[in-house]
Amino acid sequence: VADQVLSIYAGVNGFLDDVPVDKVLQFEADLLHYVAQNHQ
């Protein structure tokens, strides 16, 4: 559930505004990886 919240937060707050549609899945994967590695 936490991953879903992060993804929705990123979308609602404009973090995806400049990300091309074909790169959104990679952005999400990179975001979740970053959070998992840096915020425990």
Protein backbone atom coordinates (compact mmCIF):
# COMPACT_ATOMS: atom_id res chain seq x y z
CA VAL A 1 0.00 0.00 0.00
CA ALA A 2 2.86 2.40 0.79
CA ASP A 3 4.17 2.03 -2.77
CA GLN A 4 0.77 2.96 -4.15
CA VAL A 5 0.62 6.03 -1.92
CA LEU A 6 4.05 7.18 -3.13
CA SER A 7 3.06 6.70 -6.77
CA ILE A 8 -0.23 8.56 -6.35
CA TYR A 9 1.49 11.35 -4.40
CA ALA A 10 4.04 11.79 -7.20
CA GLY A 11 1.30 12.00 -9.82
CA VAL A 12 -1.02 14.32 -7.92
CA ASN A 13 1.74 16.72 -6.91
CA GLY A 14 3.19 17.29 -10.36
CA PHE A 15 6.31 15.14 -10.19
CA LEU A 16 5.26 13.40 -13.40
CA ASP A 17 4.32 16.54 -15.33
CA ASP A 18 7.54 16.56 -17.37
CA VAL A 19 7.94 12.78 -17.64
CA PRO A 20 7.01 11.36 -21.06
CA VAL A 21 4.25 8.76 -20.88
CA ASP A 22 6.55 5.99 -22.08
CA LYS A 23 8.92 6.74 -19.16
CA VAL A 24 6.35 6.79 -16.33
CA LEU A 25 6.80 3.13 -15.36
CA GLN A 26 10.57 3.58 -15.15
CA PHE A 27 10.14 6.76 -13.09
CA GLU A 28 7.88 4.89 -10.68
CA ALA A 29 10.32 1.98 -10.38
CA ASP A 30 13.23 4.37 -9.79
CA LEU A 31 11.26 6.36 -7.20
CA LEU A 32 10.27 3.25 -5.25
CA HIS A 33 13.84 1.93 -5.40
CA TYR A 34 15.21 5.26 -4.14
CA VAL A 35 12.76 5.36 -1.24
CA ALA A 36 13.46 1.74 -0.31
CA GLN A 37 17.21 2.38 -0.27
CA ASN A 38 17.21 5.76 1.48
CA HIS A 39 14.22 5.91 3.83
CA GLN A 40 13.92 2.90 6.08
